[in-house]
Amino acid sequence: MFTIIDVARNVEGFAPAIAARGITTVIRYYNHRNSSRLPDKALSRAELAALTGAGLSVAIVFQQNGGAGGQISDFHNGKGDRDARCALQLAEVLGQPAGSAIYFAVD
């Protein structure tokens, strides 16, 4: 049985059911902006509260393109700095504990 799941959509309304199935950790996302294909990819304050309220841990991945489709141009200092600043700002806004991890995705 899997105890960690990775979801790119808001699962706020499913938090109790997820926990009841033995899941312990949900991996969710930070980004600059959501796409039309994934309009609720980024973790929200309400979703975070629902997940932690159901006793779930939340792991964070920052993902915005990250080389998708072979776009090597995504990898440069300026973009890395911008992504890091955005991730730290979102962590502060959502109350992510200081010293906890934010992972960065590479496609």
PDB file of N, CA and C in Angstrom:
ATOM      1  N   MET A   1       0.840  -1.192   0.000  1.00  0.00           N
ATOM      2  CA  MET A   1       0.000   0.000   0.000  1.00  0.00           C
ATOM      3  C   MET A   1       0.877   1.243   0.000  1.00  0.00           C
ATOM      4  N   PHE A   2       0.475   2.227  -0.766  1.00  0.00           N
ATOM      5  CA  PHE A   2       1.192   3.497  -0.812  1.00  0.00           C
ATOM      6  C   PHE A   2       0.783   4.339   0.387  1.00  0.00           C
ATOM      7  N   THR A   3       1.745   5.007   0.999  1.00  0.00           N
ATOM      8  CA  THR A   3       1.421   5.904   2.109  1.00  0.00           C
ATOM      9  C   THR A   3       1.656   7.358   1.741  1.00  0.00           C
ATOM     10  N   ILE A   4       2.237   7.593   0.566  1.00  0.00           N
ATOM     11  CA  ILE A   4       2.487   8.948   0.073  1.00  0.00           C
ATOM     12  C   ILE A   4       1.878   9.050  -1.315  1.00  0.00           C
ATOM     13  N   ILE A   5       1.137  10.133  -1.555  1.00  0.00           N
ATOM     14  CA  ILE A   5       0.597  10.371  -2.893  1.00  0.00           C
ATOM     15  C   ILE A   5       1.022  11.753  -3.369  1.00  0.00           C
ATOM     16  N   ASP A   6       1.081  11.896  -4.670  1.00  0.00           N
ATOM     17  CA  ASP A   6       1.457  13.145  -5.335  1.00  0.00           C
ATOM     18  C   ASP A   6       0.252  13.566  -6.171  1.00  0.00           C
ATOM     19  N   VAL A   7      -0.287  14.742  -5.888  1.00  0.00           N
ATOM     20  CA  VAL A   7      -1.465  15.198  -6.624  1.00  0.00           C
ATOM     21  C   VAL A   7      -1.266  16.620  -7.117  1.00  0.00           C
ATOM     22  N   ALA A   8      -1.694  16.866  -8.350  1.00  0.00           N
ATOM     23  CA  ALA A   8      -1.550  18.187  -8.966  1.00  0.00           C
ATOM     24  C   ALA A   8      -2.887  18.915  -9.012  1.00  0.00           C
ATOM     25  N   ARG A   9      -3.804  18.504  -8.167  1.00  0.00           N
ATOM     26  CA  ARG A   9      -5.117  19.158  -8.072  1.00  0.00           C
ATOM     27  C   ARG A   9      -5.487  19.321  -6.607  1.00  0.00           C
ATOM     28  N   ASN A  10      -6.351  20.256  -6.333  1.00  0.00           N
ATOM     29  CA  ASN A  10      -6.809  20.508  -4.973  1.00  0.00           C
ATOM     30  C   ASN A  10      -7.598  19.299  -4.463  1.00  0.00           C
ATOM     31  N   VAL A  11      -7.169  18.757  -3.327  1.00  0.00           N
ATOM     32  CA  VAL A  11      -7.853  17.604  -2.724  1.00  0.00           C
ATOM     33  C   VAL A  11      -8.438  17.952  -1.357  1.00  0.00           C
ATOM     34  N   GLU A  12      -8.665  19.229  -1.155  1.00  0.00           N
ATOM     35  CA  GLU A  12      -9.183  19.715   0.129  1.00  0.00           C
ATOM     36  C   GLU A  12     -10.394  18.921   0.604  1.00  0.00           C
ATOM     37  N   GLY A  13     -11.356  18.715  -0.270  1.00  0.00           N
ATOM     38  CA  GLY A  13     -12.581  18.013   0.107  1.00  0.00           C
ATOM     39  C   GLY A  13     -12.414  16.526   0.337  1.00  0.00           C
ATOM     40  N   PHE A  14     -11.256  15.997  -0.015  1.00  0.00           N
ATOM     41  CA  PHE A  14     -11.010  14.565   0.126  1.00  0.00           C
ATOM     42  C   PHE A  14     -10.058  14.231   1.271  1.00  0.00           C
ATOM     43  N   ALA A  15      -9.599  15.237   2.004  1.00  0.00           N
ATOM     44  CA  ALA A  15      -8.580  15.027   3.031  1.00  0.00           C
ATOM     45  C   ALA A  15      -8.943  13.925   4.030  1.00  0.00           C
ATOM     46  N   PRO A  16     -10.138  13.928   4.623  1.00  0.00           N
ATOM     47  CA  PRO A  16     -10.462  12.853   5.569  1.00  0.00           C
ATOM     48  C   PRO A  16     -10.456  11.464   4.916  1.00  0.00           C
ATOM     49  N   ALA A  17     -10.954  11.370   3.702  1.00  0.00           N
ATOM     50  CA  ALA A  17     -10.981  10.083   3.010  1.00  0.00           C
ATOM     51  C   ALA A  17      -9.570   9.616   2.669  1.00  0.00           C
ATOM     52  N   ILE A  18      -8.705  10.539   2.288  1.00  0.00           N
ATOM     53  CA  ILE A  18      -7.315  10.188   1.994  1.00  0.00           C
ATOM     54  C   ILE A  18      -6.654   9.615   3.242  1.00  0.00           C
ATOM     55  N   ALA A  19      -6.817  10.299   4.360  1.00  0.00           N
ATOM     56  CA  ALA A  19      -6.233   9.830   5.619  1.00  0.00           C
ATOM     57  C   ALA A  19      -6.820   8.483   6.031  1.00  0.00           C
ATOM     58  N   ALA A  20      -8.119   8.304   5.830  1.00  0.00           N
ATOM     59  CA  ALA A  20      -8.781   7.055   6.213  1.00  0.00           C
ATOM     60  C   ALA A  20      -8.263   5.857   5.420  1.00  0.00           C
ATOM     61  N   ARG A  21      -7.703   6.110   4.254  1.00  0.00           N
ATOM     62  CA  ARG A  21      -7.161   5.023   3.418  1.00  0.00           C
ATOM     63  C   ARG A  21      -5.705   4.696   3.751  1.00  0.00           C
ATOM     64  N   GLY A  22      -5.183   5.311   4.801  1.00  0.00           N
ATOM     65  CA  GLY A  22      -3.831   4.992   5.234  1.00  0.00           C
ATOM     66  C   GLY A  22      -2.736   5.850   4.632  1.00  0.00           C
ATOM     67  N   ILE A  23      -3.122   6.838   3.862  1.00  0.00           N
ATOM     68  CA  ILE A  23      -2.139   7.778   3.319  1.00  0.00           C
ATOM     69  C   ILE A  23      -1.636   8.635   4.474  1.00  0.00           C
ATOM     70  N   THR A  24      -0.339   8.889   4.505  1.00  0.00           N
ATOM     71  CA  THR A  24       0.222   9.712   5.579  1.00  0.00           C
ATOM     72  C   THR A  24       0.732  11.060   5.086  1.00  0.00           C
ATOM     73  N   THR A  25       1.111  11.120   3.793  1.00  0.00           N
ATOM     74  CA  THR A  25       1.707  12.335   3.240  1.00  0.00           C
ATOM     75  C   THR A  25       1.144  12.612   1.851  1.00  0.00           C
ATOM     76  N   VAL A  26       0.839  13.876   1.608  1.00  0.00           N
ATOM     77  CA  VAL A  26       0.377  14.310   0.295  1.00  0.00           C
ATOM     78  C   VAL A  26       1.418  15.288  -0.249  1.00  0.00           C
ATOM     79  N   ILE A  27       1.892  15.022  -1.449  1.00  0.00           N
ATOM     80  CA  ILE A  27       2.824  15.936  -2.104  1.00  0.00           C
ATOM     81  C   ILE A  27       2.002  16.912  -2.942  1.00  0.00           C
ATOM     82  N   ARG A  28       2.210  18.203  -2.700  1.00  0.00           N
ATOM     83  CA  ARG A  28       1.482  19.264  -3.411  1.00  0.00           C
ATOM     84  C   ARG A  28       2.471  20.272  -3.965  1.00  0.00           C
ATOM     85  N   TYR A  29       1.964  21.273  -4.675  1.00  0.00           N
ATOM     86  CA  TYR A  29       2.809  22.139  -5.490  1.00  0.00           C
ATOM     87  C   TYR A  29       2.703  23.620  -5.159  1.00  0.00           C
ATOM     88  N   TYR A  30       3.839  24.303  -5.356  1.00  0.00           N
ATOM     89  CA  TYR A  30       3.913  25.749  -5.447  1.00  0.00           C
ATOM     90  C   TYR A  30       4.289  26.049  -6.900  1.00  0.00           C
ATOM     91  N   ASN A  31       3.864  27.196  -7.396  1.00  0.00           N
ATOM     92  CA  ASN A  31       4.269  27.654  -8.726  1.00  0.00           C
ATOM     93  C   ASN A  31       4.021  29.154  -8.842  1.00  0.00           C
ATOM     94  N   HIS A  32       4.407  29.719  -9.976  1.00  0.00           N
ATOM     95  CA  HIS A  32       4.141  31.146 -10.225  1.00  0.00           C
ATOM     96  C   HIS A  32       2.682  31.366 -10.574  1.00  0.00           C
ATOM     97  N   ARG A  33       2.155  30.462 -11.385  1.00  0.00           N
ATOM     98  CA  ARG A  33       0.755  30.566 -11.804  1.00  0.00           C
ATOM     99  C   ARG A  33       0.289  29.196 -12.292  1.00  0.00           C
ATOM    100  N   ASN A  34      -0.990  28.954 -12.112  1.00  0.00           N
ATOM    101  CA  ASN A  34      -1.584  27.708 -12.584  1.00  0.00           C
ATOM    102  C   ASN A  34      -1.846  27.785 -14.083  1.00  0.00           C
ATOM    103  N   SER A  35      -1.913  26.644 -14.722  1.00  0.00           N
ATOM    104  CA  SER A  35      -2.225  26.588 -16.145  1.00  0.00           C
ATOM    105  C   SER A  35      -3.706  26.305 -16.341  1.00  0.00           C
ATOM    106  N   SER A  36      -4.187  26.463 -17.551  1.00  0.00           N
ATOM    107  CA  SER A  36      -5.588  26.136 -17.838  1.00  0.00           C
ATOM    108  C   SER A  36      -5.815  24.636 -17.711  1.00  0.00           C
ATOM    109  N   ARG A  37      -4.789  23.843 -17.940  1.00  0.00           N
ATOM    110  CA  ARG A  37      -4.914  22.386 -17.819  1.00  0.00           C
ATOM    111  C   ARG A  37      -4.953  21.943 -16.357  1.00  0.00           C
ATOM    112  N   LEU A  38      -4.256  22.670 -15.492  1.00  0.00           N
ATOM    113  CA  LEU A  38      -4.236  22.371 -14.056  1.00  0.00           C
ATOM    114  C   LEU A  38      -4.559  23.644 -13.282  1.00  0.00           C
ATOM    115  N   PRO A  39      -5.819  24.049 -13.280  1.00  0.00           N
ATOM    116  CA  PRO A  39      -6.191  25.344 -12.700  1.00  0.00           C
ATOM    117  C   PRO A  39      -6.069  25.438 -11.182  1.00  0.00           C
ATOM    118  N   ASP A  40      -5.922  24.307 -10.502  1.00  0.00           N
ATOM    119  CA  ASP A  40      -5.770  24.347  -9.046  1.00  0.00           C
ATOM    120  C   ASP A  40      -4.541  23.554  -8.599  1.00  0.00           C
ATOM    121  N   LYS A  41      -3.483  23.624  -9.405  1.00  0.00           N
ATOM    122  CA  LYS A  41      -2.253  22.888  -9.106  1.00  0.00           C
ATOM    123  C   LYS A  41      -1.587  23.392  -7.829  1.00  0.00           C
ATOM    124  N   ALA A  42      -1.559  24.702  -7.639  1.00  0.00           N
ATOM    125  CA  ALA A  42      -0.863  25.272  -6.479  1.00  0.00           C
ATOM    126  C   ALA A  42      -1.655  25.051  -5.197  1.00  0.00           C
ATOM    127  N   LEU A  43      -0.950  24.683  -4.161  1.00  0.00           N
ATOM    128  CA  LEU A  43      -1.535  24.489  -2.839  1.00  0.00           C
ATOM    129  C   LEU A  43      -2.127  25.797  -2.325  1.00  0.00           C
ATOM    130  N   SER A  44      -3.312  25.727  -1.766  1.00  0.00           N
ATOM    131  CA  SER A  44      -3.942  26.903  -1.168  1.00  0.00           C
ATOM    132  C   SER A  44      -3.911  26.786   0.356  1.00  0.00           C
ATOM    133  N   ARG A  45      -4.119  27.896   1.015  1.00  0.00           N
ATOM    134  CA  ARG A  45      -4.161  27.913   2.483  1.00  0.00           C
ATOM    135  C   ARG A  45      -5.276  27.004   3.008  1.00  0.00           C
ATOM    136  N   ALA A  46      -6.448  27.058   2.384  1.00  0.00           N
ATOM    137  CA  ALA A  46      -7.575  26.233   2.832  1.00  0.00           C
ATOM    138  C   ALA A  46      -7.279  24.744   2.645  1.00  0.00           C
ATOM    139  N   GLU A  47      -6.662  24.404   1.526  1.00  0.00           N
ATOM    140  CA  GLU A  47      -6.329  22.994   1.288  1.00  0.00           C
ATOM    141  C   GLU A  47      -5.281  22.520   2.300  1.00  0.00           C
ATOM    142  N   LEU A  48      -4.280  23.333   2.543  1.00  0.00           N
ATOM    143  CA  LEU A  48      -3.260  22.968   3.522  1.00  0.00           C
ATOM    144  C   LEU A  48      -3.896  22.729   4.891  1.00  0.00           C
ATOM    145  N   ALA A  49      -4.803  23.609   5.285  1.00  0.00           N
ATOM    146  CA  ALA A  49      -5.482  23.453   6.579  1.00  0.00           C
ATOM    147  C   ALA A  49      -6.290  22.153   6.619  1.00  0.00           C
ATOM    148  N   ALA A  50      -6.964  21.829   5.534  1.00  0.00           N
ATOM    149  CA  ALA A  50      -7.755  20.592   5.489  1.00  0.00           C
ATOM    150  C   ALA A  50      -6.862  19.364   5.577  1.00  0.00           C
ATOM    151  N   LEU A  51      -5.752  19.388   4.855  1.00  0.00           N
ATOM    152  CA  LEU A  51      -4.842  18.236   4.864  1.00  0.00           C
ATOM    153  C   LEU A  51      -4.223  18.036   6.245  1.00  0.00           C
ATOM    154  N   THR A  52      -3.677  19.090   6.819  1.00  0.00           N
ATOM    155  CA  THR A  52      -3.061  18.948   8.141  1.00  0.00           C
ATOM    156  C   THR A  52      -4.116  18.675   9.209  1.00  0.00           C
ATOM    157  N   GLY A  53      -5.310  19.229   9.031  1.00  0.00           N
ATOM    158  CA  GLY A  53      -6.402  18.967   9.965  1.00  0.00           C
ATOM    159  C   GLY A  53      -6.840  17.508   9.963  1.00  0.00           C
ATOM    160  N   ALA A  54      -6.609  16.839   8.841  1.00  0.00           N
ATOM    161  CA  ALA A  54      -6.938  15.409   8.740  1.00  0.00           C
ATOM    162  C   ALA A  54      -5.770  14.545   9.204  1.00  0.00           C
ATOM    163  N   GLY A  55      -4.716  15.185   9.711  1.00  0.00           N
ATOM    164  CA  GLY A  55      -3.570  14.444  10.225  1.00  0.00           C
ATOM    165  C   GLY A  55      -2.538  14.069   9.178  1.00  0.00           C
ATOM    166  N   LEU A  56      -2.633  14.678   8.002  1.00  0.00           N
ATOM    167  CA  LEU A  56      -1.704  14.373   6.918  1.00  0.00           C
ATOM    168  C   LEU A  56      -0.510  15.306   6.921  1.00  0.00           C
ATOM    169  N   SER A  57       0.642  14.784   6.571  1.00  0.00           N
ATOM    170  CA  SER A  57       1.818  15.617   6.327  1.00  0.00           C
ATOM    171  C   SER A  57       1.741  16.094   4.892  1.00  0.00           C
ATOM    172  N   VAL A  58       2.344  17.244   4.628  1.00  0.00           N
ATOM    173  CA  VAL A  58       2.340  17.795   3.279  1.00  0.00           C
ATOM    174  C   VAL A  58       3.779  18.070   2.864  1.00  0.00           C
ATOM    175  N   ALA A  59       4.173  17.521   1.726  1.00  0.00           N
ATOM    176  CA  ALA A  59       5.483  17.801   1.138  1.00  0.00           C
ATOM    177  C   ALA A  59       5.267  18.756  -0.022  1.00  0.00           C
ATOM    178  N   ILE A  60       6.205  19.649  -0.231  1.00  0.00           N
ATOM    179  CA  ILE A  60       6.053  20.699  -1.234  1.00  0.00           C
ATOM    180  C   ILE A  60       7.079  20.559  -2.346  1.00  0.00           C
ATOM    181  N   VAL A  61       6.586  20.680  -3.582  1.00  0.00           N
ATOM    182  CA  VAL A  61       7.432  20.722  -4.770  1.00  0.00           C
ATOM    183  C   VAL A  61       7.095  22.011  -5.519  1.00  0.00           C
ATOM    184  N   PHE A  62       8.121  22.792  -5.851  1.00  0.00           N
ATOM    185  CA  PHE A  62       7.915  23.951  -6.709  1.00  0.00           C
ATOM    186  C   PHE A  62       8.107  23.472  -8.136  1.00  0.00           C
ATOM    187  N   GLN A  63       7.116  23.726  -8.987  1.00  0.00           N
ATOM    188  CA  GLN A  63       7.221  23.302 -10.385  1.00  0.00           C
ATOM    189  C   GLN A  63       6.579  24.335 -11.296  1.00  0.00           C
ATOM    190  N   GLN A  64       7.384  24.877 -12.188  1.00  0.00           N
ATOM    191  CA  GLN A  64       6.915  25.791 -13.228  1.00  0.00           C
ATOM    192  C   GLN A  64       7.761  25.529 -14.452  1.00  0.00           C
ATOM    193  N   ASN A  65       7.299  24.702 -15.335  1.00  0.00           N
ATOM    194  CA  ASN A  65       8.010  24.254 -16.538  1.00  0.00           C
ATOM    195  C   ASN A  65       9.172  23.337 -16.170  1.00  0.00           C
ATOM    196  N   GLY A  66      10.272  23.846 -15.688  1.00  0.00           N
ATOM    197  CA  GLY A  66      11.381  23.006 -15.255  1.00  0.00           C
ATOM    198  C   GLY A  66      11.990  22.148 -16.345  1.00  0.00           C
ATOM    199  N   GLY A  67      12.106  22.707 -17.530  1.00  0.00           N
ATOM    200  CA  GLY A  67      12.722  21.976 -18.622  1.00  0.00           C
ATOM    201  C   GLY A  67      11.773  21.095 -19.408  1.00  0.00           C
ATOM    202  N   ALA A  68      10.482  21.251 -19.179  1.00  0.00           N
ATOM    203  CA  ALA A  68       9.494  20.424 -19.884  1.00  0.00           C
ATOM    204  C   ALA A  68       9.693  20.525 -21.384  1.00  0.00           C
ATOM    205  N   GLY A  69       9.572  19.406 -22.048  1.00  0.00           N
ATOM    206  CA  GLY A  69       9.717  19.386 -23.496  1.00  0.00           C
ATOM    207  C   GLY A  69      11.136  19.659 -23.969  1.00  0.00           C
ATOM    208  N   GLY A  70      12.114  19.464 -23.081  1.00  0.00           N
ATOM    209  CA  GLY A  70      13.506  19.674 -23.466  1.00  0.00           C
ATOM    210  C   GLY A  70      13.951  21.114 -23.494  1.00  0.00           C
ATOM    211  N   GLN A  71      13.216  22.009 -22.839  1.00  0.00           N
ATOM    212  CA  GLN A  71      13.546  23.437 -22.852  1.00  0.00           C
ATOM    213  C   GLN A  71      14.713  23.729 -21.908  1.00  0.00           C
ATOM    214  N   ILE A  72      15.905  23.539 -22.407  1.00  0.00           N
ATOM    215  CA  ILE A  72      17.112  23.775 -21.622  1.00  0.00           C
ATOM    216  C   ILE A  72      17.192  25.231 -21.181  1.00  0.00           C
ATOM    217  N   SER A  73      16.562  26.127 -21.921  1.00  0.00           N
ATOM    218  CA  SER A  73      16.588  27.551 -21.566  1.00  0.00           C
ATOM    219  C   SER A  73      15.939  27.828 -20.210  1.00  0.00           C
ATOM    220  N   ASP A  74      15.185  26.859 -19.669  1.00  0.00           N
ATOM    221  CA  ASP A  74      14.595  27.021 -18.334  1.00  0.00           C
ATOM    222  C   ASP A  74      15.656  27.044 -17.236  1.00  0.00           C
ATOM    223  N   PHE A  75      16.843  26.549 -17.531  1.00  0.00           N
ATOM    224  CA  PHE A  75      17.860  26.398 -16.499  1.00  0.00           C
ATOM    225  C   PHE A  75      18.906  27.504 -16.592  1.00  0.00           C
ATOM    226  N   HIS A  76      18.658  28.556 -15.810  1.00  0.00           N
ATOM    227  CA  HIS A  76      19.630  29.640 -15.713  1.00  0.00           C
ATOM    228  C   HIS A  76      19.464  30.308 -14.362  1.00  0.00           C
ATOM    229  N   ASN A  77      20.504  31.029 -13.946  1.00  0.00           N
ATOM    230  CA  ASN A  77      20.511  31.625 -12.609  1.00  0.00           C
ATOM    231  C   ASN A  77      19.321  32.528 -12.354  1.00  0.00           C
ATOM    232  N   GLY A  78      18.957  33.350 -13.326  1.00  0.00           N
ATOM    233  CA  GLY A  78      17.851  34.286 -13.132  1.00  0.00           C
ATOM    234  C   GLY A  78      16.544  33.568 -12.830  1.00  0.00           C
ATOM    235  N   LYS A  79      16.262  32.527 -13.578  1.00  0.00           N
ATOM    236  CA  LYS A  79      15.025  31.776 -13.346  1.00  0.00           C
ATOM    237  C   LYS A  79      15.091  31.040 -12.012  1.00  0.00           C
ATOM    238  N   GLY A  80      16.238  30.490 -11.698  1.00  0.00           N
ATOM    239  CA  GLY A  80      16.388  29.807 -10.414  1.00  0.00           C
ATOM    240  C   GLY A  80      16.172  30.753  -9.246  1.00  0.00           C
ATOM    241  N   ASP A  81      16.745  31.940  -9.338  1.00  0.00           N
ATOM    242  CA  ASP A  81      16.565  32.951  -8.284  1.00  0.00           C
ATOM    243  C   ASP A  81      15.097  33.354  -8.170  1.00  0.00           C
ATOM    244  N   ARG A  82      14.452  33.586  -9.316  1.00  0.00           N
ATOM    245  CA  ARG A  82      13.038  33.989  -9.319  1.00  0.00           C
ATOM    246  C   ARG A  82      12.165  32.889  -8.711  1.00  0.00           C
ATOM    247  N   ASP A  83      12.414  31.646  -9.099  1.00  0.00           N
ATOM    248  CA  ASP A  83      11.638  30.529  -8.568  1.00  0.00           C
ATOM    249  C   ASP A  83      11.834  30.383  -7.063  1.00  0.00           C
ATOM    250  N   ALA A  84      13.078  30.536  -6.610  1.00  0.00           N
ATOM    251  CA  ALA A  84      13.365  30.415  -5.181  1.00  0.00           C
ATOM    252  C   ALA A  84      12.656  31.510  -4.386  1.00  0.00           C
ATOM    253  N   ARG A  85      12.694  32.748  -4.889  1.00  0.00           N
ATOM    254  CA  ARG A  85      12.008  33.849  -4.190  1.00  0.00           C
ATOM    255  C   ARG A  85      10.509  33.586  -4.109  1.00  0.00           C
ATOM    256  N   CYS A  86       9.926  33.121  -5.211  1.00  0.00           N
ATOM    257  CA  CYS A  86       8.493  32.820  -5.232  1.00  0.00           C
ATOM    258  C   CYS A  86       8.169  31.705  -4.238  1.00  0.00           C
ATOM    259  N   ALA A  87       8.971  30.654  -4.242  1.00  0.00           N
ATOM    260  CA  ALA A  87       8.736  29.526  -3.331  1.00  0.00           C
ATOM    261  C   ALA A  87       8.807  29.970  -1.876  1.00  0.00           C
ATOM    262  N   LEU A  88       9.802  30.787  -1.543  1.00  0.00           N
ATOM    263  CA  LEU A  88       9.925  31.262  -0.158  1.00  0.00           C
ATOM    264  C   LEU A  88       8.772  32.177   0.232  1.00  0.00           C
ATOM    265  N   GLN A  89       8.318  33.003  -0.702  1.00  0.00           N
ATOM    266  CA  GLN A  89       7.182  33.877  -0.425  1.00  0.00           C
ATOM    267  C   GLN A  89       5.920  33.044  -0.177  1.00  0.00           C
ATOM    268  N   LEU A  90       5.673  32.039  -1.011  1.00  0.00           N
ATOM    269  CA  LEU A  90       4.506  31.181  -0.819  1.00  0.00           C
ATOM    270  C   LEU A  90       4.604  30.413   0.491  1.00  0.00           C
ATOM    271  N   ALA A  91       5.791  29.941   0.829  1.00  0.00           N
ATOM    272  CA  ALA A  91       5.977  29.231   2.093  1.00  0.00           C
ATOM    273  C   ALA A  91       5.621  30.121   3.272  1.00  0.00           C
ATOM    274  N   GLU A  92       6.025  31.372   3.197  1.00  0.00           N
ATOM    275  CA  GLU A  92       5.710  32.308   4.284  1.00  0.00           C
ATOM    276  C   GLU A  92       4.208  32.582   4.351  1.00  0.00           C
ATOM    277  N   VAL A  93       3.593  32.833   3.214  1.00  0.00           N
ATOM    278  CA  VAL A  93       2.156  33.128   3.166  1.00  0.00           C
ATOM    279  C   VAL A  93       1.333  31.961   3.703  1.00  0.00           C
ATOM    280  N   LEU A  94       1.747  30.739   3.366  1.00  0.00           N
ATOM    281  CA  LEU A  94       0.989  29.561   3.790  1.00  0.00           C
ATOM    282  C   LEU A  94       1.383  29.056   5.173  1.00  0.00           C
ATOM    283  N   GLY A  95       2.411  29.658   5.751  1.00  0.00           N
ATOM    284  CA  GLY A  95       2.818  29.250   7.099  1.00  0.00           C
ATOM    285  C   GLY A  95       3.613  27.958   7.128  1.00  0.00           C
ATOM    286  N   GLN A  96       4.327  27.676   6.052  1.00  0.00           N
ATOM    287  CA  GLN A  96       5.162  26.481   6.038  1.00  0.00           C
ATOM    288  C   GLN A  96       6.231  26.639   7.115  1.00  0.00           C
ATOM    289  N   PRO A  97       6.464  25.610   7.907  1.00  0.00           N
ATOM    290  CA  PRO A  97       7.436  25.733   8.999  1.00  0.00           C
ATOM    291  C   PRO A  97       8.834  26.100   8.513  1.00  0.00           C
ATOM    292  N   ALA A  98       9.462  27.022   9.214  1.00  0.00           N
ATOM    293  CA  ALA A  98      10.840  27.413   8.891  1.00  0.00           C
ATOM    294  C   ALA A  98      11.733  26.185   8.967  1.00  0.00           C
ATOM    295  N   GLY A  99      12.641  26.075   8.018  1.00  0.00           N
ATOM    296  CA  GLY A  99      13.566  24.953   8.006  1.00  0.00           C
ATOM    297  C   GLY A  99      13.044  23.709   7.317  1.00  0.00           C
ATOM    298  N   SER A 100      11.775  23.716   6.927  1.00  0.00           N
ATOM    299  CA  SER A 100      11.242  22.557   6.206  1.00  0.00           C
ATOM    300  C   SER A 100      11.602  22.674   4.726  1.00  0.00           C
ATOM    301  N   ALA A 101      11.498  21.568   4.015  1.00  0.00           N
ATOM    302  CA  ALA A 101      11.984  21.501   2.635  1.00  0.00           C
ATOM    303  C   ALA A 101      10.976  21.984   1.597  1.00  0.00           C
ATOM    304  N   ILE A 102      11.516  22.559   0.543  1.00  0.00           N
ATOM    305  CA  ILE A 102      10.774  22.816  -0.700  1.00  0.00           C
ATOM    306  C   ILE A 102      11.624  22.162  -1.775  1.00  0.00           C
ATOM    307  N   TYR A 103      11.064  21.189  -2.450  1.00  0.00           N
ATOM    308  CA  TYR A 103      11.766  20.511  -3.534  1.00  0.00           C
ATOM    309  C   TYR A 103      11.460  21.227  -4.848  1.00  0.00           C
ATOM    310  N   PHE A 104      12.376  21.159  -5.792  1.00  0.00           N
ATOM    311  CA  PHE A 104      12.194  21.791  -7.099  1.00  0.00           C
ATOM    312  C   PHE A 104      12.190  20.710  -8.169  1.00  0.00           C
ATOM    313  N   ALA A 105      11.162  20.730  -9.012  1.00  0.00           N
ATOM    314  CA  ALA A 105      10.996  19.701 -10.036  1.00  0.00           C
ATOM    315  C   ALA A 105      11.748  20.060 -11.309  1.00  0.00           C
ATOM    316  N   VAL A 106      12.273  19.041 -11.948  1.00  0.00           N
ATOM    317  CA  VAL A 106      12.876  19.142 -13.269  1.00  0.00           C
ATOM    318  C   VAL A 106      12.178  18.111 -14.131  1.00  0.00           C
ATOM    319  N   ASP A 107      11.564  18.560 -15.218  1.00  0.00           N
ATOM    320  CA  ASP A 107      10.844  17.635 -16.104  1.00  0.00           C
ATOM    321  C   ASP A 107      11.767  17.053 -17.147  1.00  0.00           C
TER     322      ASP A 107
END
